[in-house]
Amino acid sequence: MAATVASSALMTGSAHAVSGDVAKDGTYAFTAKLDIDEGKRSCSGALVDKQWVLSAARCFAADPGKDYRIDEGAPKFKTTATIGRTDLSGTADTVADVVELVPYAGRDLVMARLAKPVSGVTPVAVGTNPLAPGEQLTVAGFGRTKTEWVPNKLHTAAFTVDAVQNTSIGITGKDAAVCKGDTGGPAVRESGGRVELVAVNSTSWQGGCLGTDPAETRTGAIDTRVDDLGAWVRQVRYRPVFAAAPWAKAAHIATGYFTGGSAGGTRHMDMIVRWSDAEVTLYQGSDDKDPRHPFSAEYQLAEPPKPPKTSIWQHAKQITGASFGGGTDGLIVRWGDGELTQYTHVDAKGFHGEKQLAKPKNALWPHATQITAGRYSASQKRDDLLVTWDDGRVTLHPDLGTNGVADKAQKVLVNKNTTWTHATQISAGEFTGKKTMDLLVRWSDGEVTIYPGVDTAGLHGEINVRPKKSYWTNATVVGAGAFVANDRASDVIVRWANGKVTLFAGVDAAGLHAEFKVGE
């Protein structure tokens, strides 16, 4: 369907709405009025988070009539959003600048971040059920009407879905049309008292709108679908939340598939963080391949204790993610008293299937310095525990799910020495494409080494990826996972001494490659 752009550049002072009925006071208060380039352009939008508005990308394009593609970042034109009132002549609202744009590639769609959160307005939920031809939707906008060039009130109208494409829908209004200024406005589904955003206005014929040729009677429009983009919306609005976490307090991390997904799927690996105050947080992996934003949600697994209360997680010395089969991945914890615990499954609701691998106050495990679980044996499960000890030994405990840490199953990979006492951080990863996983080691002098294809027979060569006295002396917490491509755990995430967090995507035998900042 070809249609005319409904938000082309306008004369200064113009503002434009859906040519339908005036919305009842307070109804669809999540609809935003966007003033762009000091009033030279006007659009609508929908508040989907306290600090994010979903609208049409073409509203911010250099030439909206030709192309909707825009760059991510600050808008080129000063933009303000008015949200919270359906009558613009009132004062009960929030007016905020738009400070960041995040477009969705291949669709006329953009998430616009506001300079401050909106209070007193409930964001609209993004629908998840697929749109269907014949469905009735309500479209809202602050654009011009049949008789008003600059209306002060939000207008709404009923539209019918004519056709559903992969990225868009065709809609037609019986007694209404999408007019200039309505671009980016919400198309919502209403069912059982629930309102869901399913599309945003993109282009239209504008039949019956003020200023349109009277000979134009078509009231059809093309809207951009959002009913299949709920995960993307959640990920984008979560970005500043993740970046602003107090990363200087991140003491330990573990990686795995705790919220669902698996290697080769759409959802990437998750990360568990134990903070210095004993809080434990689960970060859900995202569904796209942007290395700058690897996580899309968070869940609190353990609260920080309020004095005089204490938490068991204050005593966690090391944690590592492992896969025992039969559901989500699990966690192995070494405690301060030497106890070793296996949680067979961890998910957003907490820790499950607790199993004691070593009793408290034993004579052996207090001497362990680092642990990491990987796929190092013939079982092909990521439940083989590699351990470094304070005397320099390196041991492998294959198939924890069956063997636990029994001495008879233990394999000594490196005997007592003075070199491995300097292994400051270790992490299992898949960097070289061997049959078994590799081992990443950060040494106390800043050197970083990969040991390819570690197995029960031992270590097989080494690859130096950072020299001695490198800036990696400042690497405080290190972990490997599948955060970007999700085909193998070849991405390395690092919390640095200054509190910043960066991600190295696609680490391989040639080195660390590009570094992306993911946390402040």
Protein backbone atom coordinates (compact mmCIF):
# COMPACT_ATOMS: atom_id res chain seq x y z
CA MET A 1 0.00 0.00 0.00
CA ALA A 2 1.34 3.39 -0.94
CA ALA A 3 0.38 6.24 1.35
CA THR A 4 1.31 9.83 1.99
CA VAL A 5 3.63 10.67 4.85
CA ALA A 6 1.59 12.09 7.71
CA SER A 7 4.32 14.20 9.32
CA SER A 8 6.22 16.11 6.69
CA ALA A 9 7.99 19.36 7.59
CA LEU A 10 5.51 22.08 8.52
CA MET A 11 5.44 25.83 8.83
CA THR A 12 6.69 27.25 12.11
CA GLY A 13 4.04 27.13 14.80
CA SER A 14 2.00 24.39 13.18
CA ALA A 15 0.81 21.38 15.13
CA HIS A 16 -1.42 18.79 13.74
CA ALA A 17 -4.67 15.34 14.98
CA VAL A 18 -6.46 11.57 14.25
CA SER A 19 -9.50 13.07 12.63
CA GLY A 20 -11.96 11.46 15.00
CA ASP A 21 -13.58 12.08 18.35
CA VAL A 22 -12.05 14.07 21.18
CA ALA A 23 -10.63 11.69 23.77
CA LYS A 24 -12.36 11.69 27.14
CA ASP A 25 -10.42 13.50 29.85
CA GLY A 26 -7.63 11.26 31.12
CA THR A 27 -8.23 8.55 28.51
CA TYR A 28 -5.11 7.44 26.62
CA ALA A 29 -3.03 9.81 28.79
CA PHE A 30 0.01 7.78 27.73
CA THR A 31 -0.20 9.43 24.30
CA ALA A 32 2.61 11.92 23.80
CA LYS A 33 2.68 15.16 21.80
CA LEU A 34 6.11 15.65 20.20
CA ASP A 35 7.27 19.12 19.16
CA ILE A 36 10.32 18.84 16.91
CA ASP A 37 12.71 21.53 15.69
CA GLU A 38 11.01 24.36 17.61
CA GLY A 39 7.54 23.57 16.29
CA LYS A 40 8.47 23.13 12.64
CA ARG A 41 7.43 19.49 12.88
CA SER A 42 4.90 17.72 15.06
CA CYS A 43 4.27 14.05 15.84
CA SER A 44 2.61 11.80 18.38
CA GLY A 45 3.90 8.87 20.42
CA ALA A 46 3.12 6.48 23.27
CA LEU A 47 4.71 6.28 26.71
CA VAL A 48 5.89 2.68 27.16
CA ASP A 49 8.09 3.30 30.20
CA LYS A 50 8.41 6.14 32.71
CA GLN A 51 11.27 7.52 30.62
CA TRP A 52 10.70 6.15 27.10
CA VAL A 53 8.28 7.06 24.30
CA LEU A 54 7.67 4.82 21.28
CA SER A 55 7.06 6.72 18.03
CA ALA A 56 7.80 6.71 14.29
CA ALA A 57 11.44 7.07 13.25
CA ARG A 58 10.52 9.29 10.29
CA CYS A 59 9.50 12.01 12.74
CA PHE A 60 13.21 12.59 13.34
CA ALA A 61 14.49 12.01 9.79
CA ALA A 62 16.05 14.76 7.69
CA ASP A 63 13.39 14.21 5.00
CA PRO A 64 10.43 12.26 6.48
CA GLY A 65 8.75 11.97 3.09
CA LYS A 66 11.64 9.99 1.59
CA ASP A 67 13.27 7.91 4.31
CA TYR A 68 12.63 6.95 7.92
CA ARG A 69 16.17 5.72 8.64
CA ILE A 70 17.94 7.67 11.39
CA ASP A 71 21.06 7.22 13.50
CA GLU A 72 21.04 6.12 17.10
CA GLY A 73 21.92 8.83 19.60
CA ALA A 74 20.78 12.35 20.40
CA PRO A 75 18.12 13.79 18.02
CA LYS A 76 19.39 16.24 15.40
CA PHE A 77 16.46 18.55 16.14
CA LYS A 78 15.49 19.78 19.60
CA THR A 79 12.46 17.76 20.64
CA THR A 80 10.10 18.08 23.60
CA ALA A 81 7.43 15.62 24.66
CA THR A 82 4.22 16.56 26.45
CA ILE A 83 2.62 13.63 28.27
CA GLY A 84 -0.20 13.25 30.74
CA ARG A 85 -3.02 15.44 29.46
CA THR A 86 -5.44 15.02 26.63
CA ASP A 87 -6.16 18.76 26.57
CA LEU A 88 -3.01 20.75 25.77
CA SER A 89 -4.51 23.90 27.24
CA GLY A 90 -4.22 22.39 30.72
CA THR A 91 -1.18 22.11 32.97
CA ALA A 92 -1.43 18.62 34.51
CA ASP A 93 1.35 17.01 32.53
CA THR A 94 5.05 16.37 32.13
CA VAL A 95 7.08 18.24 29.55
CA ALA A 96 10.52 16.74 28.93
CA ASP A 97 13.25 16.94 26.33
CA VAL A 98 14.05 13.91 24.19
CA VAL A 99 17.73 13.14 24.76
CA GLU A 100 18.29 9.82 22.96
CA LEU A 101 16.85 7.95 19.98
CA VAL A 102 17.07 4.19 19.47
CA PRO A 103 15.60 3.19 16.07
CA TYR A 104 14.57 -0.34 15.15
CA ALA A 105 16.37 -1.40 11.99
CA GLY A 106 14.03 -2.09 9.08
CA ARG A 107 10.92 -0.46 10.56
CA ASP A 108 9.58 3.05 10.90
CA LEU A 109 9.95 2.85 14.65
CA VAL A 110 12.01 4.54 17.36
CA MET A 111 12.33 4.54 21.13
CA ALA A 112 12.87 8.08 22.45
CA ARG A 113 14.39 8.52 25.91
CA LEU A 114 13.22 11.48 27.97
CA ALA A 115 15.48 13.65 30.09
CA LYS A 116 13.35 12.89 33.15
CA PRO A 117 10.80 10.24 34.11
CA VAL A 118 7.09 10.90 33.76
CA SER A 119 5.05 10.75 36.96
CA GLY A 120 1.33 10.22 37.35
CA VAL A 121 0.88 8.43 34.02
CA THR A 122 0.73 4.66 33.57
CA PRO A 123 2.75 3.57 30.51
CA VAL A 124 0.84 1.53 27.96
CA ALA A 125 1.65 -2.19 27.77
CA VAL A 126 3.01 -3.60 24.52
CA GLY A 127 0.77 -6.34 23.13
CA THR A 128 2.11 -9.81 22.42
CA ASN A 129 -0.72 -11.55 20.53
CA PRO A 130 -0.31 -11.31 16.72
CA LEU A 131 -2.51 -8.87 14.82
CA ALA A 132 -5.14 -10.32 12.48
CA PRO A 133 -7.16 -8.97 9.54
CA GLY A 134 -10.57 -7.70 10.61
CA GLU A 135 -9.38 -6.73 14.06
CA GLN A 136 -10.69 -3.44 15.46
CA LEU A 137 -8.13 -0.96 16.79
CA THR A 138 -8.29 2.49 18.34
CA VAL A 139 -5.86 5.05 16.95
CA ALA A 140 -4.90 8.19 18.88
CA GLY A 141 -2.98 11.33 17.99
CA PHE A 142 -2.55 15.08 18.37
CA GLY A 143 -2.58 15.78 14.62
CA ARG A 144 -4.92 18.04 12.69
CA THR A 145 -8.59 17.18 12.25
CA LYS A 146 -11.20 17.81 9.56
CA THR A 147 -11.70 21.37 10.81
CA GLU A 148 -8.72 22.23 13.01
CA TRP A 149 -5.21 23.03 11.88
CA VAL A 150 -3.79 23.25 15.41
CA PRO A 151 -6.05 21.26 17.75
CA ASN A 152 -5.41 21.40 21.50
CA LYS A 153 -7.01 18.06 22.29
CA LEU A 154 -6.18 14.41 21.72
CA HIS A 155 -8.44 12.70 19.18
CA THR A 156 -9.19 9.00 18.81
CA ALA A 157 -11.00 6.90 16.23
CA ALA A 158 -11.79 3.28 15.38
CA PHE A 159 -9.91 1.59 12.56
CA THR A 160 -10.14 -1.87 11.01
CA VAL A 161 -7.10 -3.97 10.17
CA ASP A 162 -7.22 -4.72 6.44
CA ALA A 163 -3.93 -6.55 5.96
CA VAL A 164 -1.06 -7.82 8.11
CA GLN A 165 2.50 -7.89 6.77
CA ASN A 166 5.72 -8.93 8.51
CA THR A 167 6.53 -5.41 9.69
CA SER A 168 3.38 -3.37 9.08
CA ILE A 169 -0.41 -3.41 8.87
CA GLY A 170 -2.90 -1.69 6.61
CA ILE A 171 -5.80 -0.04 8.44
CA THR A 172 -8.90 1.90 7.38
CA GLY A 173 -11.09 4.29 9.33
CA LYS A 174 -14.82 4.39 8.64
CA ASP A 175 -15.39 8.00 9.62
CA ALA A 176 -11.82 9.05 10.43
CA ALA A 177 -8.35 9.33 8.99
CA VAL A 178 -4.77 9.56 10.22
CA CYS A 179 -3.72 13.18 9.62
CA LYS A 180 -0.52 15.19 9.75
CA GLY A 181 0.84 15.25 13.28
CA ASP A 182 -0.56 11.80 14.07
CA THR A 183 2.56 10.04 12.83
CA GLY A 184 4.04 7.94 15.64
CA GLY A 185 0.74 7.90 17.51
CA PRO A 186 -0.48 4.67 19.10
CA ALA A 187 -2.79 2.07 17.60
CA VAL A 188 -4.13 0.06 20.52
CA ARG A 189 -6.11 -3.09 21.08
CA GLU A 190 -8.73 -3.01 23.83
CA SER A 191 -9.94 -6.22 25.43
CA GLY A 192 -11.40 -6.91 28.84
CA GLY A 193 -10.55 -3.46 30.09
CA ARG A 194 -6.91 -3.85 29.09
CA VAL A 195 -5.29 -1.51 26.57
CA GLU A 196 -2.29 -2.79 24.58
CA LEU A 197 -0.10 -1.00 22.09
CA VAL A 198 0.14 -3.05 18.88
CA ALA A 199 1.27 -0.54 16.22
CA VAL A 200 2.23 3.10 15.61
CA ASN A 201 1.08 5.40 12.80
CA SER A 202 3.49 5.65 9.89
CA THR A 203 1.89 6.93 6.64
CA SER A 204 -1.64 7.63 5.39
CA TRP A 205 -3.79 9.00 2.57
CA GLN A 206 -5.23 11.70 4.87
CA GLY A 207 -8.65 11.68 3.25
CA GLY A 208 -10.85 14.28 4.91
CA CYS A 209 -8.03 15.93 6.87
CA LEU A 210 -7.87 19.71 6.81
CA GLY A 211 -5.57 20.83 4.02
CA THR A 212 -5.91 17.63 1.98
CA ASP A 213 -7.27 17.84 -1.58
CA PRO A 214 -11.06 17.38 -1.29
CA ALA A 215 -10.86 14.84 -4.10
CA GLU A 216 -8.84 12.54 -1.80
CA THR A 217 -11.37 10.38 0.03
CA ARG A 218 -9.23 7.43 1.07
CA THR A 219 -8.94 6.97 4.83
CA GLY A 220 -6.45 4.10 4.77
CA ALA A 221 -3.10 4.18 6.55
CA ILE A 222 -0.03 2.05 7.10
CA ASP A 223 1.05 1.43 10.69
CA THR A 224 4.28 -0.14 11.91
CA ARG A 225 3.80 -3.31 13.95
CA VAL A 226 5.06 -3.50 17.52
CA ASP A 227 3.05 -6.55 18.65
CA ASP A 228 6.10 -8.74 17.94
CA LEU A 229 8.70 -6.39 19.47
CA GLY A 230 7.95 -6.61 23.17
CA ALA A 231 11.40 -8.07 23.93
CA TRP A 232 13.11 -5.25 22.03
CA VAL A 233 11.12 -2.58 23.87
CA ARG A 234 12.02 -4.14 27.22
CA GLN A 235 15.68 -4.34 26.28
CA VAL A 236 15.92 -0.72 25.14
CA ARG A 237 14.19 0.72 28.18
CA TYR A 238 16.44 -1.40 30.41
CA ARG A 239 19.68 -0.02 28.96
CA PRO A 240 20.25 2.90 31.35
CA VAL A 241 19.21 0.78 34.33
CA PHE A 242 21.95 -1.78 33.71
CA ALA A 243 24.60 0.82 32.95
CA ALA A 244 23.82 2.76 36.14
CA ALA A 245 24.18 -0.18 38.53
CA PRO A 246 26.92 0.26 41.20
CA TRP A 247 29.41 -1.90 39.36
CA ALA A 248 32.30 -1.01 41.67
CA LYS A 249 30.53 -3.24 44.22
CA ALA A 250 30.29 -6.30 41.94
CA ALA A 251 32.36 -8.93 43.75
CA HIS A 252 31.69 -12.15 41.81
CA ILE A 253 29.96 -13.13 38.57
CA ALA A 254 28.71 -16.39 37.08
CA THR A 255 27.34 -16.97 33.59
CA GLY A 256 24.81 -19.44 32.19
CA TYR A 257 21.31 -19.94 30.80
CA PHE A 258 19.29 -19.27 33.93
CA THR A 259 16.18 -17.62 32.44
CA GLY A 260 15.73 -19.92 29.46
CA GLY A 261 17.40 -20.22 26.09
CA SER A 262 20.38 -22.24 24.98
CA ALA A 263 23.36 -22.01 22.65
CA GLY A 264 22.16 -21.23 19.13
CA GLY A 265 18.82 -19.83 20.30
CA THR A 266 17.59 -16.25 20.34
CA ARG A 267 18.06 -15.48 24.02
CA HIS A 268 21.70 -15.10 24.99
CA MET A 269 23.46 -16.09 28.19
CA ASP A 270 22.53 -14.56 31.53
CA MET A 271 24.81 -13.35 34.31
CA ILE A 272 24.56 -13.65 38.09
CA VAL A 273 26.30 -11.01 40.22
CA ARG A 274 27.05 -11.27 43.91
CA TRP A 275 27.56 -7.74 45.24
CA SER A 276 29.82 -6.68 48.11
CA ASP A 277 26.75 -6.12 50.32
CA ALA A 278 25.65 -9.77 49.75
CA GLU A 279 22.83 -8.91 47.34
CA VAL A 280 22.55 -11.35 44.43
CA THR A 281 21.16 -10.23 41.06
CA LEU A 282 20.32 -12.22 37.94
CA TYR A 283 20.71 -10.33 34.64
CA GLN A 284 18.74 -11.76 31.71
CA GLY A 285 20.52 -12.03 28.38
CA SER A 286 19.13 -10.03 25.47
CA ASP A 287 17.66 -11.30 22.21
CA ASP A 288 19.80 -9.37 19.75
CA LYS A 289 23.49 -9.13 18.88
CA ASP A 290 24.38 -5.67 20.17
CA PRO A 291 27.57 -6.05 22.28
CA ARG A 292 26.92 -2.69 23.94
CA HIS A 293 23.69 -3.94 25.52
CA PRO A 294 23.98 -7.63 26.36
CA PHE A 295 21.23 -7.76 29.02
CA SER A 296 17.54 -6.91 28.97
CA ALA A 297 16.13 -7.41 32.49
CA GLU A 298 17.14 -8.15 36.07
CA TYR A 299 15.82 -10.20 38.98
CA GLN A 300 16.83 -9.99 42.63
CA LEU A 301 17.73 -13.46 43.91
CA ALA A 302 18.89 -12.40 47.38
CA GLU A 303 18.37 -9.13 49.23
CA PRO A 304 21.20 -7.34 51.01
CA PRO A 305 20.81 -7.93 54.77
CA LYS A 306 19.78 -5.09 57.03
CA PRO A 307 21.86 -4.99 60.23
CA PRO A 308 21.83 -6.71 62.61
CA LYS A 309 20.65 -9.45 60.24
CA THR A 310 23.15 -11.35 58.10
CA SER A 311 23.00 -13.26 54.83
CA ILE A 312 24.60 -16.53 53.81
CA TRP A 313 25.75 -14.77 50.62
CA GLN A 314 28.17 -12.65 52.66
CA HIS A 315 30.27 -15.81 52.90
CA ALA A 316 30.41 -16.71 49.19
CA LYS A 317 34.06 -16.75 48.08
CA GLN A 318 33.58 -17.93 44.49
CA ILE A 319 30.62 -18.69 42.24
CA THR A 320 30.48 -20.31 38.80
CA GLY A 321 27.66 -21.27 36.46
CA ALA A 322 27.29 -24.91 35.44
CA SER A 323 24.90 -27.07 33.42
CA PHE A 324 23.59 -30.25 35.00
CA GLY A 325 20.84 -30.90 32.43
CA GLY A 326 17.09 -31.11 32.79
CA GLY A 327 16.26 -27.40 32.70
CA THR A 328 17.93 -24.12 33.49
CA ASP A 329 21.61 -23.95 34.37
CA GLY A 330 22.82 -24.13 37.93
CA LEU A 331 25.41 -22.61 40.23
CA ILE A 332 28.38 -23.85 42.23
CA VAL A 333 29.39 -21.85 45.30
CA ARG A 334 32.50 -22.11 47.45
CA TRP A 335 31.87 -20.64 50.89
CA GLY A 336 34.31 -19.07 53.35
CA ASP A 337 34.29 -22.10 55.65
CA GLY A 338 35.23 -24.45 52.82
CA GLU A 339 31.74 -25.76 52.15
CA LEU A 340 31.01 -26.40 48.47
CA THR A 341 27.39 -26.22 47.31
CA GLN A 342 25.69 -27.13 44.06
CA TYR A 343 22.39 -25.51 43.07
CA THR A 344 21.21 -27.76 40.26
CA HIS A 345 18.93 -25.08 38.78
CA VAL A 346 18.74 -21.30 39.12
CA ASP A 347 16.03 -19.15 37.59
CA ALA A 348 14.35 -15.79 38.13
CA LYS A 349 12.61 -17.16 41.22
CA GLY A 350 15.76 -18.28 43.01
CA PHE A 351 17.98 -21.26 43.74
CA HIS A 352 16.75 -24.85 43.41
CA GLY A 353 18.04 -28.37 43.99
CA GLU A 354 20.64 -27.57 46.66
CA LYS A 355 23.25 -30.27 47.03
CA GLN A 356 26.25 -30.25 49.36
CA LEU A 357 29.45 -31.25 47.58
CA ALA A 358 31.82 -30.63 50.49
CA LYS A 359 30.98 -30.14 54.16
CA PRO A 360 31.80 -26.97 56.12
CA LYS A 361 35.13 -26.70 57.91
CA ASN A 362 36.74 -29.49 55.92
CA ALA A 363 40.52 -29.60 55.62
CA LEU A 364 40.73 -29.34 51.80
CA TRP A 365 38.45 -26.79 50.19
CA PRO A 366 39.50 -23.74 52.24
CA HIS A 367 42.72 -23.98 50.21
CA ALA A 368 40.94 -23.54 46.86
CA THR A 369 41.62 -20.11 45.34
CA GLN A 370 39.56 -20.06 42.11
CA ILE A 371 36.84 -22.26 40.57
CA THR A 372 35.21 -22.38 37.14
CA ALA A 373 32.86 -24.93 35.60
CA GLY A 374 33.23 -25.97 31.97
CA ARG A 375 32.80 -28.72 29.42
CA TYR A 376 36.12 -30.48 29.92
CA SER A 377 35.23 -34.20 29.78
CA ALA A 378 33.55 -36.74 27.53
CA SER A 379 30.12 -36.11 29.09
CA GLN A 380 29.85 -32.84 27.12
CA LYS A 381 27.96 -31.20 29.96
CA ARG A 382 29.24 -27.96 31.39
CA ASP A 383 29.56 -29.53 34.84
CA ASP A 384 33.27 -30.25 35.10
CA LEU A 385 34.83 -28.15 37.87
CA LEU A 386 38.34 -26.78 37.36
CA VAL A 387 40.05 -25.59 40.54
CA THR A 388 43.25 -23.72 41.36
CA TRP A 389 44.79 -24.19 44.82
CA ASP A 390 46.99 -22.08 47.07
CA ASP A 391 49.96 -24.42 46.49
CA GLY A 392 49.77 -23.92 42.70
CA ARG A 393 48.00 -27.17 41.87
CA VAL A 394 45.29 -27.25 39.20
CA THR A 395 42.69 -30.01 39.42
CA LEU A 396 39.69 -31.07 37.36
CA HIS A 397 36.62 -32.71 38.88
CA PRO A 398 34.63 -34.22 35.98
CA ASP A 399 30.86 -34.70 35.92
CA LEU A 400 29.87 -33.14 39.23
CA GLY A 401 26.28 -34.27 38.78
CA THR A 402 27.39 -37.91 39.07
CA ASN A 403 30.76 -37.88 40.81
CA GLY A 404 30.59 -34.80 43.01
CA VAL A 405 34.14 -33.94 44.11
CA ALA A 406 35.17 -37.46 45.10
CA ASP A 407 38.94 -37.97 45.13
CA LYS A 408 38.70 -41.03 42.87
CA ALA A 409 37.30 -38.92 40.03
CA GLN A 410 39.72 -36.01 40.46
CA LYS A 411 42.32 -35.35 37.75
CA VAL A 412 45.48 -33.41 38.60
CA LEU A 413 46.25 -31.16 35.62
CA VAL A 414 49.17 -29.26 37.17
CA ASN A 415 51.19 -30.41 40.17
CA LYS A 416 52.32 -28.18 43.04
CA ASN A 417 54.29 -25.18 41.71
CA THR A 418 54.96 -21.47 42.21
CA THR A 419 53.50 -20.23 38.92
CA TRP A 420 49.80 -21.01 39.28
CA THR A 421 49.67 -19.33 42.68
CA HIS A 422 49.57 -16.12 40.58
CA ALA A 423 46.39 -17.12 38.69
CA THR A 424 44.16 -14.28 39.88
CA GLN A 425 41.02 -14.99 37.83
CA ILE A 426 40.01 -17.99 35.75
CA SER A 427 37.03 -18.56 33.47
CA ALA A 428 35.91 -21.35 31.17
CA GLY A 429 35.19 -20.27 27.59
CA GLU A 430 35.02 -21.42 23.98
CA PHE A 431 37.60 -19.38 22.12
CA THR A 432 39.51 -21.80 19.90
CA GLY A 433 36.92 -24.25 18.55
CA LYS A 434 38.36 -27.34 20.26
CA LYS A 435 36.29 -30.35 21.26
CA THR A 436 36.43 -29.28 24.88
CA MET A 437 36.35 -25.79 26.40
CA ASP A 438 39.30 -23.49 26.91
CA LEU A 439 40.54 -21.81 30.08
CA LEU A 440 41.11 -18.06 30.33
CA VAL A 441 43.57 -16.98 33.03
CA ARG A 442 44.36 -13.46 34.23
CA TRP A 443 47.66 -13.48 36.09
CA SER A 444 48.65 -11.16 38.93
CA ASP A 445 51.13 -9.30 36.69
CA GLY A 446 48.47 -8.44 34.09
CA GLU A 447 49.27 -11.20 31.62
CA VAL A 448 46.24 -12.94 30.08
CA THR A 449 46.50 -16.48 28.75
CA ILE A 450 44.17 -18.90 27.00
CA TYR A 451 44.72 -22.64 27.42
CA PRO A 452 42.95 -24.32 24.47
CA GLY A 453 40.98 -27.55 24.68
CA VAL A 454 41.54 -28.40 28.34
CA ASP A 455 40.49 -31.98 29.16
CA THR A 456 41.11 -34.75 31.66
CA ALA A 457 44.54 -35.31 30.10
CA GLY A 458 45.67 -31.81 31.06
CA LEU A 459 46.58 -28.50 29.44
CA HIS A 460 47.54 -28.44 25.76
CA GLY A 461 49.63 -25.40 24.97
CA GLU A 462 48.90 -21.76 25.72
CA ILE A 463 48.03 -18.59 23.83
CA ASN A 464 49.14 -15.24 25.17
CA VAL A 465 46.52 -12.55 24.55
CA ARG A 466 47.86 -9.81 26.85
CA PRO A 467 51.49 -9.32 27.93
CA LYS A 468 52.86 -8.90 31.42
CA LYS A 469 52.28 -5.50 33.03
CA SER A 470 49.27 -4.83 30.80
CA TYR A 471 46.29 -2.80 31.99
CA TRP A 472 44.64 -6.11 32.87
CA THR A 473 46.26 -5.75 36.28
CA ASN A 474 43.13 -3.64 36.89
CA ALA A 475 40.72 -6.45 35.94
CA THR A 476 38.87 -7.20 39.17
CA VAL A 477 36.13 -9.62 38.07
CA VAL A 478 36.28 -11.66 34.84
CA GLY A 479 33.79 -14.03 33.21
CA ALA A 480 33.17 -15.61 29.81
CA GLY A 481 29.81 -16.26 28.16
CA ALA A 482 27.74 -16.22 24.98
CA PHE A 483 26.43 -12.65 25.20
CA VAL A 484 26.53 -11.58 21.54
CA ALA A 485 26.46 -14.26 18.83
CA ASN A 486 25.18 -17.00 21.20
CA ASP A 487 26.79 -19.81 19.25
CA ARG A 488 29.57 -20.31 21.81
CA ALA A 489 30.84 -18.73 25.02
CA SER A 490 33.51 -16.58 23.40
CA ASP A 491 32.67 -13.16 24.88
CA VAL A 492 34.54 -11.92 27.94
CA ILE A 493 33.03 -9.47 30.41
CA VAL A 494 35.29 -7.58 32.84
CA ARG A 495 34.63 -5.41 35.89
CA TRP A 496 37.58 -3.08 36.28
CA ALA A 497 39.04 -1.56 39.45
CA ASN A 498 37.51 1.83 38.56
CA GLY A 499 34.00 0.29 38.52
CA LYS A 500 33.50 0.30 34.77
CA VAL A 501 32.33 -2.83 32.95
CA THR A 502 33.40 -3.73 29.42
CA LEU A 503 32.76 -6.62 27.07
CA PHE A 504 35.17 -8.17 24.57
CA ALA A 505 33.08 -9.80 21.83
CA GLY A 506 34.24 -12.86 19.90
CA VAL A 507 37.53 -13.55 21.68
CA ASP A 508 39.57 -16.14 19.81
CA ALA A 509 43.11 -17.43 19.35
CA ALA A 510 44.05 -14.13 17.70
CA GLY A 511 43.21 -12.09 20.79
CA LEU A 512 40.57 -9.96 22.50
CA HIS A 513 39.53 -7.70 19.58
CA ALA A 514 36.94 -4.93 20.07
CA GLU A 515 36.05 -3.71 23.56
CA PHE A 516 32.59 -2.29 24.35
CA LYS A 517 31.61 -0.34 27.46
CA VAL A 518 28.45 -1.82 29.00
CA GLY A 519 28.47 -0.45 32.56
CA GLU A 520 29.47 2.85 34.13
